Amino acid sequence: QHWGPHEKYGYNSYLSEKISLDRSIPDYRPTKCKELKYSKDLPQISIIFIFVNEALSVILRSVHSAVNHTPAHLLKEIILVDDNSDEEELKAPLEEYVNKRYPGLVKVVRNQKREGLIRARIEGWKAATGQITGFFDAHVEFTAGWAEPVLSRIQENRRRVILPSIDNIKQDNFEVQRYENSAHGYSWELWCMYISPPKDWWDAGDPSLPIRTPAMIGCSFVVHRKFFGEIGLLDPGMDVYGGENIELGIKVWLCGGSMEVLPCSRVAHIERKKKPYNNNIGFYTKRNALRVAEVWMDDYKWHVYIAWNLPLENPGIDIGDVSERKALRKSLKCKNFQWYLDHVYPEMRRYNNTVAYGELRNNKAKDVCLDQGPQENHTAILYPCHGWGPQLARYTKEGFLHLGALGTTTLLPDTRCLVDNVKSRFPQLLDCEKVKSSLHKRWNFIQNGAILNKGTGRCLEVENRGMAGIDLILRSCTGQRWTIKNFIK
């Protein structure tokens, strides 16, 4: 099997071998950071790198960068966790190199079977002896001065989980690109993403201040070793990848801690074209997301089911046993999820008004579903059913009929809703909030009944045009019936 360097690792490994292991990357810290002074007696950190089938040069550059940019008296050790790699160069050659170059500083932990990122991090934590533990992907480089602000924040309060700000190492040419200061949020599917820092951070007008963040993207975080243990580490019942970063954010906030991004601590990270883990990352993220929902989200948990377009009863996914995680939540006397949405992630959209959701089908046209169609056309269409986001219909208490994947945060546009604009024989798909006439966006709908517009009295129906396909139209009702897949109550 002959792979190019990009296909194999998700970055240009040939080029990596030509670049110095000791290069320094640009210092993208806000100016004020360079003037800040820190205590001499900060706690020591164990830096934990997790890898599976990475290019050796990239792992070694991560190690060199950590040693070169962390003051020696603060660096307790570096732990390399090999999650059962297949590559020969990552066995003896890796160990011989680090033992010779950094005698006594680097420990290598080898998993006997592939555990996945989440459990691999826990193995690294078990091996660590420093008061503070930092978890990093093994394809990162550190900016000078990254460690002191982090260790200082945790020394002040051991219940803080600290995220360095992330800059990007371009995977094709290894140039470092500065990313804007961001908090880390996520969608209801629990996919993580960058979001704008909260208003009070902007209002303070000081770009060096810590940024409150609801969760973490997950490629780097630093936490007090004992506190991490007390709050139950990451969920060991999660598989492979995804969701653990959201679980930690929610749990830390609900159980008396906090999470913040530090603009003064910067770590550059390669965004790989592909992940070395299983090809079916979507499945594991979905399974792990449902574990988070069941343990932490109370009455909001069904938002996660809606986002993944799954029925609330028997979703057909075995999420494993969550009783230990529920017991952990109880023993830590954590707050409820409503508090978290109100105080930590107010930007998150809520969909409490949903009555029914899922694929919407007409009795006169099997195999096709209501679909949001091309965004620029502003009209809904019928399309062969596939169960993904564009076919996620949502009927609300107000009688609105939304189409498309759940809108994530209030900073981004929400899903659009179906409107009868009186003039057209096709239903329009518009931004609900901008539609002046409330009647034209309200529909009467009961399961297996007509979908009737309250403003015009026209029904949403299908018209079969033979070879020309099926149209979705508005007309006087002829008795066609619609069914939506899932009802909430």
Foldseek 3Di string as FASTA:
>chain_A
DDDQCCVQALFHLVLLVVDDLQDAADQPFDPVLVVDDFDPDFFAEEEEEEDARHRLSQLSSAVNQCVVQDPPVRHQAYEYEYQDHPDPCVPVVSVVVCCVVPNPRYHYHYDPHRFAPQVSVVVRLVPDDTQKYKYAYSRKHWHHPQPRVVRRVCVVPQLEKEAEAEWAQERYNRHTGGDDDFAWDAFLLQQIDTDHFDPVVVVVVDVQDWGFHQWDNPRMMMHRSVSCVLLPNFPSLQGHDAQSRNLVSLSSVQLPGTYTYGSSTYMYGYPGPDDPDDPPVSLRNNLSSLLSLVQAAPPQSCSNVLLQQAAPPCSVDPSDDNVVVNVSCVVSVTHHVVCCCVPRNVQFDGDVFFFAKWWKDWPVDPQWTWFCPDVVVQFIWIDGDDGHFRRIWTAGPQQWIFGGRADTGNVDQGTWTWFDPVPFFTTGTGRQVPDDDSQRRHWDADAFWWTAGRPPRWTFDWDQPDPVGIGTGTGHDPTMTMHHDYGDD
